[in-house]
Amino acid sequence: MARQDTLDLEDKVRLLRALAFQIHRKRAAEEVLGELLEHESKGGRRRAFRAGTDALAESGFMDAMKALGLIGDEAALILEVVFGANDHRLLSNALTHLADYAEAGGQ
């Protein structure tokens, strides 16, 4: 079996939905993402999640999301404002909509 260095669409949608769910429950975005990356890395796919783990430790939530390929530069600009507003419901809804968009074939 070949090693997978990038996340596939299903992984991206699953991560976005998991983030949205936990953030909606008023958990800190960085904490949730760190836990998800740690959990996913244990499944033998550490390589695919390494860039996100490193970016989270060095630069924070948005850079980790970009490193994982969950969002692009344009989405990062918008999410930075949403993230900075400290509104867990708004951030959760934005992540859910990104997952819906990706799942519908938009990404």
Protein backbone atom coordinates (compact mmCIF):
# COMPACT_ATOMS: atom_id res chain seq x y z
CA MET A 1 0.00 0.00 0.00
CA ALA A 2 1.43 3.38 -0.99
CA ARG A 3 1.82 6.09 1.57
CA GLN A 4 -0.54 8.97 1.25
CA ASP A 5 1.10 12.39 1.60
CA THR A 6 -2.05 14.48 1.08
CA LEU A 7 -5.58 14.37 2.37
CA ASP A 8 -8.31 13.17 0.09
CA LEU A 9 -11.68 14.89 -0.21
CA GLU A 10 -13.36 12.58 2.30
CA ASP A 11 -10.68 13.32 4.91
CA LYS A 12 -11.01 17.05 4.35
CA VAL A 13 -14.79 16.99 4.70
CA ARG A 14 -14.58 14.79 7.80
CA LEU A 15 -12.01 17.08 9.45
CA LEU A 16 -13.98 20.23 8.65
CA ARG A 17 -17.16 18.71 10.07
CA ALA A 18 -15.38 17.46 13.21
CA LEU A 19 -13.84 20.90 13.74
CA ALA A 20 -17.19 22.61 13.25
CA PHE A 21 -18.91 20.27 15.69
CA GLN A 22 -16.34 20.70 18.46
CA ILE A 23 -16.01 24.46 17.97
CA HIS A 24 -19.80 24.78 18.14
CA ARG A 25 -19.52 23.16 21.58
CA LYS A 26 -17.33 26.14 22.61
CA ARG A 27 -13.99 24.36 22.40
CA ALA A 28 -10.92 26.31 21.31
CA ALA A 29 -10.16 25.86 17.61
CA GLU A 30 -6.42 25.29 18.10
CA GLU A 31 -7.05 22.69 20.80
CA VAL A 32 -9.60 20.81 18.71
CA LEU A 33 -7.42 20.82 15.60
CA GLY A 34 -4.44 19.60 17.60
CA GLU A 35 -6.46 16.73 19.05
CA LEU A 36 -7.85 15.76 15.66
CA LEU A 37 -4.41 15.78 14.07
CA GLU A 38 -2.98 13.71 16.90
CA HIS A 39 -5.81 11.19 16.61
CA GLU A 40 -5.54 10.96 12.81
CA SER A 41 -1.76 10.58 12.96
CA LYS A 42 -2.12 7.47 15.08
CA GLY A 43 -3.95 5.73 12.27
CA GLY A 44 -0.72 5.12 10.39
CA ARG A 45 -1.08 8.19 8.19
CA ARG A 46 1.21 10.51 10.08
CA ARG A 47 2.78 11.74 6.88
CA ALA A 48 -0.46 13.24 5.54
CA PHE A 49 -1.01 15.20 8.75
CA ARG A 50 2.57 16.24 9.54
CA ALA A 51 2.40 19.56 7.68
CA GLY A 52 -0.71 20.54 9.63
CA THR A 53 0.77 19.50 12.96
CA ASP A 54 3.96 21.46 12.28
CA ALA A 55 2.09 24.56 11.08
CA LEU A 56 -0.22 24.49 14.10
CA ALA A 57 2.74 24.40 16.46
CA GLU A 58 4.66 27.12 14.62
CA SER A 59 2.06 29.51 13.19
CA GLY A 60 -1.38 28.68 14.51
CA PHE A 61 -4.80 27.57 13.38
CA MET A 62 -5.13 29.28 9.97
CA ASP A 63 -1.71 28.23 8.73
CA ALA A 64 -2.42 24.65 9.82
CA MET A 65 -5.69 24.68 7.91
CA LYS A 66 -3.88 25.93 4.79
CA ALA A 67 -1.05 23.41 5.21
CA LEU A 68 -3.56 20.57 5.34
CA GLY A 69 -5.26 21.85 2.21
CA LEU A 70 -8.55 22.40 4.04
CA ILE A 71 -8.72 26.01 2.89
CA GLY A 72 -7.08 28.15 0.25
CA ASP A 73 -5.66 31.64 0.53
CA GLU A 74 -8.98 33.36 -0.18
CA ALA A 75 -10.88 31.34 2.41
CA ALA A 76 -8.07 31.94 4.90
CA LEU A 77 -8.47 35.69 4.52
CA ILE A 78 -12.18 35.48 5.28
CA LEU A 79 -11.83 32.91 8.06
CA GLU A 80 -9.16 35.04 9.72
CA VAL A 81 -11.80 37.72 10.31
CA VAL A 82 -14.33 35.14 11.52
CA PHE A 83 -11.71 33.53 13.77
CA GLY A 84 -10.71 36.91 15.19
CA ALA A 85 -14.33 37.72 16.09
CA ASN A 86 -14.23 35.00 18.77
CA ASP A 87 -17.72 33.84 17.82
CA HIS A 88 -17.76 30.06 18.03
CA ARG A 89 -21.12 29.76 16.26
CA LEU A 90 -20.00 31.88 13.34
CA LEU A 91 -16.75 29.94 12.94
CA SER A 92 -18.59 26.63 13.27
CA ASN A 93 -21.11 27.63 10.61
CA ALA A 94 -18.36 28.81 8.26
CA LEU A 95 -16.51 25.49 8.61
CA THR A 96 -19.73 23.54 8.05
CA HIS A 97 -20.43 25.51 4.87
CA LEU A 98 -16.88 24.86 3.65
CA ALA A 99 -17.42 21.13 4.24
CA ASP A 100 -20.72 21.25 2.36
CA TYR A 101 -19.07 23.10 -0.52
CA ALA A 102 -16.20 20.61 -0.71
CA GLU A 103 -18.56 17.65 -0.50
CA ALA A 104 -20.66 19.03 -3.35
CA GLY A 105 -17.58 19.02 -5.55
CA GLY A 106 -16.60 22.66 -5.18
CA GLN A 107 -13.09 21.87 -4.01
